[in-house]
Amino acid sequence: MSEREALIVGPDSRARCSWVGDDELYRKYHDEEWGNPLRGDHRLFEKIMLEAFQAGLSWITILRRREGIRDAFDNFDATAIARYGDEEVARLLADPRIIRNRLKVSAAITNARATLELTQNDPGALDALLWSFAPPARATRLHSFAEVPAITEESTAMSKALKARGYRFVGPTTMYALMQSAGMVDDHLEGCWRVA
């Protein structure tokens, strides 16, 4: 992929990473969220939930459903979600605003319980755990998406650490996507307007 193909110029004449395409929601996500450092247990738990729901799907599908997922899952409140039982699972599986996959809904509840176990007596523990795997910044910026890894040593280690604490749907590829989304790595390509 050439640098030209790696970037796309939007209607505002700004060059962006080409995965944005011409979708306004993707453009907003790219410009305002992707690659920005995200801190806090609640906000990172939300990312874990959304990335788990994304597994096997496109990220735009999740972005389009994010508000529905947020509403259906009590604003990503781990305490509330951890209490969900059969009635809430049935409600969720009937809700067209979310990804109605029983395994992913079950994983959201399991992950909420794991988050509570981790953070209840140690606020900030999820944040500290996830950010402990953030690699040093790259010395040079990438020029094409062919150079962007799907899995790294750090995302593999993060995945193992979360699985050891009972989390599900947190494989190395999913965790690398979380690292990109939460700004633990900055994969904006050379020439993208977001590059400082």
C-alpha atoms as a PDB file:
ATOM      1  CA  MET A   1       0.000   0.000   0.000  1.00  0.00           C
ATOM      2  CA  SER A   2       1.434   3.352  -0.938  1.00  0.00           C
ATOM      3  CA  GLU A   3       1.304   6.399   1.314  1.00  0.00           C
ATOM      4  CA  ARG A   4      -1.279   7.850  -1.045  1.00  0.00           C
ATOM      5  CA  GLU A   5      -3.578   4.850  -0.475  1.00  0.00           C
ATOM      6  CA  ALA A   6      -2.910   4.971   3.257  1.00  0.00           C
ATOM      7  CA  LEU A   7      -4.509   8.407   3.524  1.00  0.00           C
ATOM      8  CA  ILE A   8      -7.758   9.899   2.335  1.00  0.00           C
ATOM      9  CA  VAL A   9      -8.613  13.581   2.080  1.00  0.00           C
ATOM     10  CA  GLY A  10     -11.957  14.452   3.632  1.00  0.00           C
ATOM     11  CA  PRO A  11     -14.489  17.128   2.662  1.00  0.00           C
ATOM     12  CA  ASP A  12     -12.681  19.484   5.068  1.00  0.00           C
ATOM     13  CA  SER A  13      -9.438  19.004   3.047  1.00  0.00           C
ATOM     14  CA  ARG A  14      -7.755  17.155   5.929  1.00  0.00           C
ATOM     15  CA  ALA A  15      -5.746  14.005   5.219  1.00  0.00           C
ATOM     16  CA  ARG A  16      -6.839  11.086   7.409  1.00  0.00           C
ATOM     17  CA  CYS A  17      -6.062   7.411   7.774  1.00  0.00           C
ATOM     18  CA  SER A  18      -7.863   5.762   4.856  1.00  0.00           C
ATOM     19  CA  TRP A  19      -9.913   3.337   6.986  1.00  0.00           C
ATOM     20  CA  VAL A  20     -12.190   6.304   7.705  1.00  0.00           C
ATOM     21  CA  GLY A  21     -13.503   6.229   4.143  1.00  0.00           C
ATOM     22  CA  ASP A  22     -16.338   8.677   3.599  1.00  0.00           C
ATOM     23  CA  ASP A  23     -18.334   7.749   6.698  1.00  0.00           C
ATOM     24  CA  GLU A  24     -18.999  10.783   8.899  1.00  0.00           C
ATOM     25  CA  LEU A  25     -19.274   8.705  12.082  1.00  0.00           C
ATOM     26  CA  TYR A  26     -15.930   7.021  11.366  1.00  0.00           C
ATOM     27  CA  ARG A  27     -14.379  10.430  10.611  1.00  0.00           C
ATOM     28  CA  LYS A  28     -15.603  11.819  13.959  1.00  0.00           C
ATOM     29  CA  TYR A  29     -14.308   8.731  15.796  1.00  0.00           C
ATOM     30  CA  HIS A  30     -10.924   8.983  14.049  1.00  0.00           C
ATOM     31  CA  ASP A  31     -10.600  12.703  14.739  1.00  0.00           C
ATOM     32  CA  GLU A  32     -11.849  12.799  18.326  1.00  0.00           C
ATOM     33  CA  GLU A  33     -11.204   9.387  19.906  1.00  0.00           C
ATOM     34  CA  TRP A  34      -8.962   6.895  18.132  1.00  0.00           C
ATOM     35  CA  GLY A  35      -5.438   7.122  19.475  1.00  0.00           C
ATOM     36  CA  ASN A  36      -6.268   9.623  22.232  1.00  0.00           C
ATOM     37  CA  PRO A  37      -5.047   8.444  25.640  1.00  0.00           C
ATOM     38  CA  LEU A  38      -8.048   7.213  27.613  1.00  0.00           C
ATOM     39  CA  ARG A  39      -7.820   6.786  31.374  1.00  0.00           C
ATOM     40  CA  GLY A  40     -10.134   5.563  34.126  1.00  0.00           C
ATOM     41  CA  ASP A  41     -11.636   2.220  35.102  1.00  0.00           C
ATOM     42  CA  HIS A  42     -15.132   3.060  33.836  1.00  0.00           C
ATOM     43  CA  ARG A  43     -14.019   4.345  30.448  1.00  0.00           C
ATOM     44  CA  LEU A  44     -11.639   1.433  29.899  1.00  0.00           C
ATOM     45  CA  PHE A  45     -14.284  -1.086  30.960  1.00  0.00           C
ATOM     46  CA  GLU A  46     -16.505   0.444  28.271  1.00  0.00           C
ATOM     47  CA  LYS A  47     -13.729  -0.147  25.717  1.00  0.00           C
ATOM     48  CA  ILE A  48     -13.369  -3.776  26.849  1.00  0.00           C
ATOM     49  CA  MET A  49     -17.118  -4.252  26.403  1.00  0.00           C
ATOM     50  CA  LEU A  50     -17.259  -2.604  22.988  1.00  0.00           C
ATOM     51  CA  GLU A  51     -14.182  -4.416  21.695  1.00  0.00           C
ATOM     52  CA  ALA A  52     -15.647  -7.734  22.867  1.00  0.00           C
ATOM     53  CA  PHE A  53     -18.895  -7.010  21.026  1.00  0.00           C
ATOM     54  CA  GLN A  54     -16.860  -6.065  17.946  1.00  0.00           C
ATOM     55  CA  ALA A  55     -15.069  -9.429  17.713  1.00  0.00           C
ATOM     56  CA  GLY A  56     -15.783 -10.780  14.228  1.00  0.00           C
ATOM     57  CA  LEU A  57     -17.601  -7.623  13.135  1.00  0.00           C
ATOM     58  CA  SER A  58     -16.580  -4.265  11.709  1.00  0.00           C
ATOM     59  CA  TRP A  59     -15.911  -1.424  14.130  1.00  0.00           C
ATOM     60  CA  ILE A  60     -18.425   0.805  12.328  1.00  0.00           C
ATOM     61  CA  THR A  61     -21.143  -1.678  13.331  1.00  0.00           C
ATOM     62  CA  ILE A  62     -20.226  -1.078  16.973  1.00  0.00           C
ATOM     63  CA  LEU A  63     -19.991   2.698  16.553  1.00  0.00           C
ATOM     64  CA  ARG A  64     -23.478   2.759  15.050  1.00  0.00           C
ATOM     65  CA  ARG A  65     -24.825   0.753  17.989  1.00  0.00           C
ATOM     66  CA  ARG A  66     -22.727   2.267  20.770  1.00  0.00           C
ATOM     67  CA  GLU A  67     -25.490   4.493  22.167  1.00  0.00           C
ATOM     68  CA  GLY A  68     -27.923   1.578  22.158  1.00  0.00           C
ATOM     69  CA  ILE A  69     -25.364  -0.643  23.882  1.00  0.00           C
ATOM     70  CA  ARG A  70     -24.664   2.116  26.403  1.00  0.00           C
ATOM     71  CA  ASP A  71     -28.379   2.468  27.176  1.00  0.00           C
ATOM     72  CA  ALA A  72     -29.060  -1.278  27.292  1.00  0.00           C
ATOM     73  CA  PHE A  73     -26.071  -1.920  29.583  1.00  0.00           C
ATOM     74  CA  ASP A  74     -26.708   0.768  32.214  1.00  0.00           C
ATOM     75  CA  ASN A  75     -24.165   3.217  30.823  1.00  0.00           C
ATOM     76  CA  PHE A  76     -21.406   0.584  31.132  1.00  0.00           C
ATOM     77  CA  ASP A  77     -21.790   0.527  34.915  1.00  0.00           C
ATOM     78  CA  ALA A  78     -19.862  -2.588  35.946  1.00  0.00           C
ATOM     79  CA  THR A  79     -21.672  -2.765  39.301  1.00  0.00           C
ATOM     80  CA  ALA A  80     -25.088  -2.836  37.634  1.00  0.00           C
ATOM     81  CA  ILE A  81     -24.029  -5.238  34.878  1.00  0.00           C
ATOM     82  CA  ALA A  82     -22.427  -7.632  37.372  1.00  0.00           C
ATOM     83  CA  ARG A  83     -25.878  -8.111  38.941  1.00  0.00           C
ATOM     84  CA  TYR A  84     -27.548  -9.139  35.683  1.00  0.00           C
ATOM     85  CA  GLY A  85     -29.319 -12.468  35.749  1.00  0.00           C
ATOM     86  CA  ASP A  86     -31.524 -14.469  33.388  1.00  0.00           C
ATOM     87  CA  GLU A  87     -34.171 -11.748  33.116  1.00  0.00           C
ATOM     88  CA  GLU A  88     -31.643  -9.124  32.004  1.00  0.00           C
ATOM     89  CA  VAL A  89     -30.009 -11.563  29.581  1.00  0.00           C
ATOM     90  CA  ALA A  90     -33.413 -12.275  27.995  1.00  0.00           C
ATOM     91  CA  ARG A  91     -34.083  -8.510  27.769  1.00  0.00           C
ATOM     92  CA  LEU A  92     -30.708  -7.913  26.116  1.00  0.00           C
ATOM     93  CA  LEU A  93     -31.071 -10.749  23.622  1.00  0.00           C
ATOM     94  CA  ALA A  94     -34.374  -9.202  22.503  1.00  0.00           C
ATOM     95  CA  ASP A  95     -32.905  -5.697  22.123  1.00  0.00           C
ATOM     96  CA  PRO A  96     -32.181  -4.876  18.454  1.00  0.00           C
ATOM     97  CA  ARG A  97     -29.954  -1.934  19.441  1.00  0.00           C
ATOM     98  CA  ILE A  98     -27.138  -4.231  20.593  1.00  0.00           C
ATOM     99  CA  ILE A  99     -25.222  -7.213  19.179  1.00  0.00           C
ATOM    100  CA  ARG A 100     -27.562 -10.014  20.196  1.00  0.00           C
ATOM    101  CA  ASN A 101     -25.017 -12.730  20.682  1.00  0.00           C
ATOM    102  CA  ARG A 102     -25.538 -14.805  23.818  1.00  0.00           C
ATOM    103  CA  LEU A 103     -21.817 -15.484  24.289  1.00  0.00           C
ATOM    104  CA  LYS A 104     -20.945 -11.789  24.034  1.00  0.00           C
ATOM    105  CA  VAL A 105     -23.761 -10.753  26.375  1.00  0.00           C
ATOM    106  CA  SER A 106     -22.594 -13.396  28.845  1.00  0.00           C
ATOM    107  CA  ALA A 107     -18.998 -12.172  28.458  1.00  0.00           C
ATOM    108  CA  ALA A 108     -20.104  -8.601  29.226  1.00  0.00           C
ATOM    109  CA  ILE A 109     -21.565  -9.796  32.533  1.00  0.00           C
ATOM    110  CA  THR A 110     -18.539 -11.954  33.326  1.00  0.00           C
ATOM    111  CA  ASN A 111     -16.202  -9.061  32.477  1.00  0.00           C
ATOM    112  CA  ALA A 112     -18.201  -6.700  34.693  1.00  0.00           C
ATOM    113  CA  ARG A 113     -17.803  -9.138  37.591  1.00  0.00           C
ATOM    114  CA  ALA A 114     -14.076  -9.465  36.904  1.00  0.00           C
ATOM    115  CA  THR A 115     -13.766  -5.670  36.790  1.00  0.00           C
ATOM    116  CA  LEU A 116     -15.535  -5.333  40.135  1.00  0.00           C
ATOM    117  CA  GLU A 117     -13.293  -7.963  41.676  1.00  0.00           C
ATOM    118  CA  LEU A 118     -10.248  -6.087  40.398  1.00  0.00           C
ATOM    119  CA  THR A 119     -11.339  -2.544  41.279  1.00  0.00           C
ATOM    120  CA  GLN A 120     -13.738  -2.749  44.215  1.00  0.00           C
ATOM    121  CA  ASN A 121     -11.024  -2.413  46.832  1.00  0.00           C
ATOM    122  CA  ASP A 122      -8.498  -0.836  44.505  1.00  0.00           C
ATOM    123  CA  PRO A 123     -10.000   1.960  42.370  1.00  0.00           C
ATOM    124  CA  GLY A 124      -7.836   2.576  39.328  1.00  0.00           C
ATOM    125  CA  ALA A 125      -6.615  -1.025  39.206  1.00  0.00           C
ATOM    126  CA  LEU A 126      -8.089  -1.728  35.765  1.00  0.00           C
ATOM    127  CA  ASP A 127      -6.562   1.464  34.394  1.00  0.00           C
ATOM    128  CA  ALA A 128      -3.190   0.605  35.936  1.00  0.00           C
ATOM    129  CA  LEU A 129      -3.302  -2.967  34.671  1.00  0.00           C
ATOM    130  CA  LEU A 130      -4.169  -2.089  31.076  1.00  0.00           C
ATOM    131  CA  TRP A 131      -1.744   0.828  30.842  1.00  0.00           C
ATOM    132  CA  SER A 132       1.063  -1.323  32.242  1.00  0.00           C
ATOM    133  CA  PHE A 133       1.122  -3.022  28.824  1.00  0.00           C
ATOM    134  CA  ALA A 134       1.411   0.188  26.791  1.00  0.00           C
ATOM    135  CA  PRO A 135       4.606  -0.031  24.760  1.00  0.00           C
ATOM    136  CA  PRO A 136       7.032   2.859  24.382  1.00  0.00           C
ATOM    137  CA  ALA A 137       6.123   5.234  21.564  1.00  0.00           C
ATOM    138  CA  ARG A 138       7.512   4.216  18.190  1.00  0.00           C
ATOM    139  CA  ALA A 139      10.635   6.054  17.116  1.00  0.00           C
ATOM    140  CA  THR A 140       9.161   6.567  13.642  1.00  0.00           C
ATOM    141  CA  ARG A 141       5.582   6.849  12.464  1.00  0.00           C
ATOM    142  CA  LEU A 142       4.139   4.124  10.235  1.00  0.00           C
ATOM    143  CA  HIS A 143       3.468   4.946   6.575  1.00  0.00           C
ATOM    144  CA  SER A 144       0.947   2.250   5.607  1.00  0.00           C
ATOM    145  CA  PHE A 145      -1.571  -0.024   7.243  1.00  0.00           C
ATOM    146  CA  ALA A 146       0.476  -2.977   6.026  1.00  0.00           C
ATOM    147  CA  GLU A 147       2.945  -1.950   8.736  1.00  0.00           C
ATOM    148  CA  VAL A 148       0.300  -1.877  11.501  1.00  0.00           C
ATOM    149  CA  PRO A 149       0.383  -5.109  13.505  1.00  0.00           C
ATOM    150  CA  ALA A 150      -2.749  -7.052  14.422  1.00  0.00           C
ATOM    151  CA  ILE A 151      -1.109  -8.582  17.483  1.00  0.00           C
ATOM    152  CA  THR A 152       1.899  -7.508  19.502  1.00  0.00           C
ATOM    153  CA  GLU A 153       3.865  -8.923  22.390  1.00  0.00           C
ATOM    154  CA  GLU A 154       2.142  -6.357  24.622  1.00  0.00           C
ATOM    155  CA  SER A 155      -1.401  -7.144  23.427  1.00  0.00           C
ATOM    156  CA  THR A 156      -0.710 -10.847  23.929  1.00  0.00           C
ATOM    157  CA  ALA A 157       0.520 -10.201  27.474  1.00  0.00           C
ATOM    158  CA  MET A 158      -2.503  -7.976  28.186  1.00  0.00           C
ATOM    159  CA  SER A 159      -4.824 -10.705  26.903  1.00  0.00           C
ATOM    160  CA  LYS A 160      -3.195 -13.331  29.128  1.00  0.00           C
ATOM    161  CA  ALA A 161      -3.370 -11.067  32.183  1.00  0.00           C
ATOM    162  CA  LEU A 162      -7.068 -10.344  31.637  1.00  0.00           C
ATOM    163  CA  LYS A 163      -7.921 -13.983  30.959  1.00  0.00           C
ATOM    164  CA  ALA A 164      -6.129 -14.960  34.175  1.00  0.00           C
ATOM    165  CA  ARG A 165      -8.484 -12.582  35.990  1.00  0.00           C
ATOM    166  CA  GLY A 166     -11.560 -14.182  34.404  1.00  0.00           C
ATOM    167  CA  TYR A 167     -12.184 -11.845  31.439  1.00  0.00           C
ATOM    168  CA  ARG A 168     -13.579 -13.246  28.179  1.00  0.00           C
ATOM    169  CA  PHE A 169     -13.468 -12.101  24.539  1.00  0.00           C
ATOM    170  CA  VAL A 170     -10.134 -10.415  25.244  1.00  0.00           C
ATOM    171  CA  GLY A 171      -7.862 -12.120  22.721  1.00  0.00           C
ATOM    172  CA  PRO A 172      -4.590 -10.526  21.571  1.00  0.00           C
ATOM    173  CA  THR A 173      -6.104  -9.015  18.392  1.00  0.00           C
ATOM    174  CA  THR A 174      -9.028  -7.560  20.328  1.00  0.00           C
ATOM    175  CA  MET A 175      -6.644  -6.154  22.921  1.00  0.00           C
ATOM    176  CA  TYR A 176      -4.463  -4.555  20.245  1.00  0.00           C
ATOM    177  CA  ALA A 177      -7.586  -2.848  18.893  1.00  0.00           C
ATOM    178  CA  LEU A 178      -8.296  -1.641  22.439  1.00  0.00           C
ATOM    179  CA  MET A 179      -4.731  -0.342  22.710  1.00  0.00           C
ATOM    180  CA  GLN A 180      -5.237   1.640  19.484  1.00  0.00           C
ATOM    181  CA  SER A 181      -8.646   2.913  20.535  1.00  0.00           C
ATOM    182  CA  ALA A 182      -7.499   3.943  24.020  1.00  0.00           C
ATOM    183  CA  GLY A 183      -4.307   5.615  22.806  1.00  0.00           C
ATOM    184  CA  MET A 184      -1.906   3.114  24.336  1.00  0.00           C
ATOM    185  CA  VAL A 185      -0.463   2.988  20.841  1.00  0.00           C
ATOM    186  CA  ASP A 186      -0.794   5.704  18.211  1.00  0.00           C
ATOM    187  CA  ASP A 187      -1.257   4.174  14.779  1.00  0.00           C
ATOM    188  CA  HIS A 188      -2.221   7.364  12.937  1.00  0.00           C
ATOM    189  CA  LEU A 189      -0.134   7.171   9.789  1.00  0.00           C
ATOM    190  CA  GLU A 190       2.476   9.663   8.656  1.00  0.00           C
ATOM    191  CA  GLY A 191       0.673  12.503   6.905  1.00  0.00           C
ATOM    192  CA  CYS A 192      -2.582  12.136   8.862  1.00  0.00           C
ATOM    193  CA  TRP A 193      -3.678  15.491  10.251  1.00  0.00           C
ATOM    194  CA  ARG A 194      -3.884  13.947  13.721  1.00  0.00           C
ATOM    195  CA  VAL A 195      -0.119  13.421  13.785  1.00  0.00           C
ATOM    196  CA  ALA A 196       1.303  16.037  16.129  1.00  0.00           C
END
